[in-house]
């Protein structure tokens, strides 16, 4: 992984650790029993792929934010309902797991919403920004095809700073690879 800024507690949490050895340890949660790790970034940067790999490696629950959005509405028309749905599903998942990984692009307002709601429930929230160049995201070797609307949205999200959120504890460059390969590096 390429780190340009890191959070020591999160670095520790990336090490493969059996669930049994994590239970009762709050080293990676900053003193709280439970932790929600948000993977944020533009469309196609690898949030879902890396999120699934990370959650499998760490025996964590996983939420793909795309599963909670209204597909018939534009993204800006359902941010609040999507965020509420992700929060409810996440809190339910945290009843059975002490770690949750969420793949969802964050802006400042949604980050504040999630952080406050989770911390009120005793859950530490950590934002991780994934970033890659436009060219790397749309490269056909990554295995994903985008329609014209998604291509425009990727450009817009990069221009709006989704690849450099100041509230992130960690930045991960996914230009070269995503998923297990990124975790291995």
Protein backbone atom coordinates (compact mmCIF):
# COMPACT_ATOMS: atom_id res chain seq x y z
CA UNK A 1 0.00 0.00 0.00
CA UNK A 2 1.14 3.51 -0.67
CA UNK A 3 0.64 5.68 2.40
CA UNK A 4 0.94 9.44 2.19
CA UNK A 5 -0.55 9.98 5.61
CA UNK A 6 -1.19 7.27 8.16
CA UNK A 7 -2.90 6.59 11.43
CA UNK A 8 -0.82 4.22 13.60
CA UNK A 9 -3.95 2.59 15.02
CA UNK A 10 -5.26 1.87 11.53
CA UNK A 11 -1.89 0.48 10.39
CA UNK A 12 -2.06 -2.00 13.23
CA UNK A 13 -5.57 -2.96 12.18
CA UNK A 14 -4.35 -3.89 8.68
CA UNK A 15 -2.27 -6.73 10.01
CA UNK A 16 -4.07 -10.08 9.65
CA UNK A 17 -5.38 -10.93 13.06
CA UNK A 18 -7.77 -13.73 14.01
CA UNK A 19 -11.05 -12.51 15.47
CA UNK A 20 -10.33 -14.27 18.76
CA UNK A 21 -7.13 -12.29 19.29
CA UNK A 22 -8.92 -9.00 18.46
CA UNK A 23 -11.72 -9.52 20.94
CA UNK A 24 -11.11 -7.55 24.09
CA UNK A 25 -8.32 -5.57 22.44
CA UNK A 26 -9.05 -1.95 21.65
CA UNK A 27 -5.67 -1.08 20.10
CA UNK A 28 -7.19 -0.53 16.65
CA UNK A 29 -10.32 1.23 17.86
CA UNK A 30 -8.71 4.03 19.82
CA UNK A 31 -10.20 2.90 23.12
CA UNK A 32 -13.69 2.13 21.81
CA UNK A 33 -14.88 -1.46 21.58
CA UNK A 34 -16.08 -1.23 18.00
CA UNK A 35 -14.79 0.41 14.84
CA UNK A 36 -16.26 1.36 11.46
CA UNK A 37 -13.77 1.91 8.64
CA UNK A 38 -15.12 3.96 5.73
CA UNK A 39 -13.43 3.49 2.36
CA UNK A 40 -14.13 6.63 0.38
CA UNK A 41 -13.12 7.88 -3.04
CA UNK A 42 -14.37 8.42 -6.59
CA UNK A 43 -16.40 5.85 -8.51
CA UNK A 44 -14.23 2.95 -9.69
CA UNK A 45 -11.29 3.58 -7.38
CA UNK A 46 -11.73 0.18 -5.71
CA UNK A 47 -13.81 0.87 -2.60
CA UNK A 48 -15.94 -2.25 -2.90
CA UNK A 49 -13.13 -4.54 -4.07
CA UNK A 50 -10.75 -3.42 -1.33
CA UNK A 51 -13.57 -3.35 1.23
CA UNK A 52 -14.48 -6.97 0.57
CA UNK A 53 -10.83 -8.04 0.73
CA UNK A 54 -10.19 -6.08 3.95
CA UNK A 55 -13.34 -7.35 5.65
CA UNK A 56 -12.49 -10.95 4.71
CA UNK A 57 -8.94 -10.57 5.99
CA UNK A 58 -10.10 -9.05 9.28
CA UNK A 59 -13.29 -11.08 9.84
CA UNK A 60 -15.24 -7.83 9.70
CA UNK A 61 -18.76 -7.07 8.53
CA UNK A 62 -18.96 -5.31 5.15
CA UNK A 63 -21.41 -2.82 3.64
CA UNK A 64 -21.39 -1.70 0.02
CA UNK A 65 -23.01 1.73 -0.03
CA UNK A 66 -24.24 1.10 -3.57
CA UNK A 67 -26.62 -1.52 -2.13
CA UNK A 68 -28.36 1.22 -0.15
CA UNK A 69 -28.85 3.88 -2.79
CA UNK A 70 -31.99 4.36 -4.84
CA UNK A 71 -30.98 3.36 -8.39
CA UNK A 72 -33.76 5.41 -9.98
CA UNK A 73 -32.70 8.66 -8.29
CA UNK A 74 -29.57 10.75 -8.88
CA UNK A 75 -26.94 10.40 -6.15
CA UNK A 76 -27.63 13.91 -4.84
CA UNK A 77 -31.33 13.11 -4.47
CA UNK A 78 -30.87 10.28 -2.01
CA UNK A 79 -27.76 11.02 0.06
CA UNK A 80 -29.71 11.32 3.32
CA UNK A 81 -31.83 8.20 2.86
CA UNK A 82 -28.78 6.23 1.71
CA UNK A 83 -26.77 7.42 4.72
CA UNK A 84 -29.58 6.51 7.13
CA UNK A 85 -29.88 3.05 5.57
CA UNK A 86 -26.11 2.45 5.77
CA UNK A 87 -26.08 3.62 9.40
CA UNK A 88 -28.98 1.34 10.42
CA UNK A 89 -27.45 -1.66 8.64
CA UNK A 90 -24.03 -0.87 10.10
CA UNK A 91 -25.27 -0.60 13.67
CA UNK A 92 -27.12 -3.90 13.26
CA UNK A 93 -23.96 -5.56 11.88
CA UNK A 94 -21.92 -4.21 14.80
CA UNK A 95 -24.12 -6.16 17.21
CA UNK A 96 -22.38 -9.32 15.94
CA UNK A 97 -18.98 -7.93 14.95
CA UNK A 98 -16.62 -5.44 16.51
CA UNK A 99 -15.34 -4.24 13.13
CA UNK A 100 -17.23 -2.93 10.11
CA UNK A 101 -15.91 -1.89 6.69
CA UNK A 102 -18.10 0.44 4.60
CA UNK A 103 -17.46 1.27 0.94
CA UNK A 104 -19.10 4.63 0.33
CA UNK A 105 -17.89 7.98 -1.04
CA UNK A 106 -17.93 10.59 1.71
CA UNK A 107 -18.29 14.32 1.59
CA UNK A 108 -17.78 16.46 4.67
CA UNK A 109 -21.46 16.49 5.66
CA UNK A 110 -21.94 12.71 5.37
CA UNK A 111 -18.69 12.14 7.26
CA UNK A 112 -19.84 14.36 10.13
CA UNK A 113 -23.22 12.59 10.16
CA UNK A 114 -21.70 9.10 10.27
CA UNK A 115 -18.97 10.01 12.75
CA UNK A 116 -21.38 11.63 15.21
CA UNK A 117 -24.00 8.91 14.96
CA UNK A 118 -21.46 6.10 15.32
CA UNK A 119 -19.54 7.72 18.15
CA UNK A 120 -22.83 8.31 19.99
CA UNK A 121 -23.29 4.53 19.76
CA UNK A 122 -19.76 3.89 21.10
CA UNK A 123 -18.25 3.10 17.69
CA UNK A 124 -15.04 4.71 16.45
CA UNK A 125 -15.33 5.90 12.85
CA UNK A 126 -12.23 6.04 10.64
CA UNK A 127 -12.19 7.51 7.13
CA UNK A 128 -9.77 6.11 4.55
CA UNK A 129 -9.55 7.77 1.14
CA UNK A 130 -8.73 5.64 -1.88
CA UNK A 131 -7.35 7.50 -4.84
CA UNK A 132 -6.20 6.83 -8.38
CA UNK A 133 -5.84 8.88 -11.52
CA UNK A 134 -8.76 9.07 -13.94
CA UNK A 135 -6.71 7.09 -16.47
CA UNK A 136 -6.03 4.30 -13.97
CA UNK A 137 -9.67 4.12 -12.86
CA UNK A 138 -11.02 3.72 -16.40
CA UNK A 139 -8.23 1.38 -17.58
CA UNK A 140 -9.90 -1.71 -19.06
CA UNK A 141 -7.40 -4.01 -17.31
CA UNK A 142 -9.13 -3.22 -14.01
CA UNK A 143 -12.11 -5.19 -15.29
CA UNK A 144 -14.86 -2.61 -14.98
CA UNK A 145 -16.67 -0.78 -17.75
CA UNK A 146 -18.31 2.58 -17.16
CA UNK A 147 -21.16 4.22 -18.99
CA UNK A 148 -20.85 7.85 -20.12
CA UNK A 149 -22.62 9.14 -17.00
CA UNK A 150 -20.24 7.26 -14.71
CA UNK A 151 -17.21 8.52 -16.67
CA UNK A 152 -18.40 12.09 -16.18
CA UNK A 153 -19.13 11.47 -12.50
CA UNK A 154 -15.60 10.09 -11.98
CA UNK A 155 -14.13 13.30 -13.43
CA UNK A 156 -16.47 15.39 -11.29
CA UNK A 157 -15.67 13.47 -8.10
CA UNK A 158 -11.93 13.88 -8.67
CA UNK A 159 -12.42 17.60 -9.35
CA UNK A 160 -14.54 17.91 -6.17
CA UNK A 161 -11.78 16.33 -4.07
CA UNK A 162 -13.19 12.89 -3.33
CA UNK A 163 -9.61 11.63 -3.73
CA UNK A 164 -8.18 13.97 -1.08
CA UNK A 165 -10.59 14.33 1.82
CA UNK A 166 -8.94 16.28 4.67
CA UNK A 167 -10.79 14.30 7.34
CA UNK A 168 -9.22 11.00 6.24
CA UNK A 169 -6.88 9.22 8.62
CA UNK A 170 -5.21 7.44 5.72
CA UNK A 171 -4.80 7.77 1.95
CA UNK A 172 -4.30 4.68 -0.19
CA UNK A 173 -3.18 4.98 -3.80
CA UNK A 174 -4.87 2.34 -5.94
CA UNK A 175 -3.40 3.40 -9.29
CA UNK A 176 -1.56 0.14 -9.78
CA UNK A 177 -3.80 -2.41 -8.09
CA UNK A 178 -6.85 -2.97 -5.89
CA UNK A 179 -8.15 -5.71 -3.59
CA UNK A 180 -5.87 -8.36 -2.14
CA UNK A 181 -2.90 -7.03 -4.10
CA UNK A 182 -3.29 -3.60 -2.47
CA UNK A 183 -3.58 -5.18 0.99
CA UNK A 184 -0.50 -7.32 0.37
CA UNK A 185 1.58 -4.30 -0.57
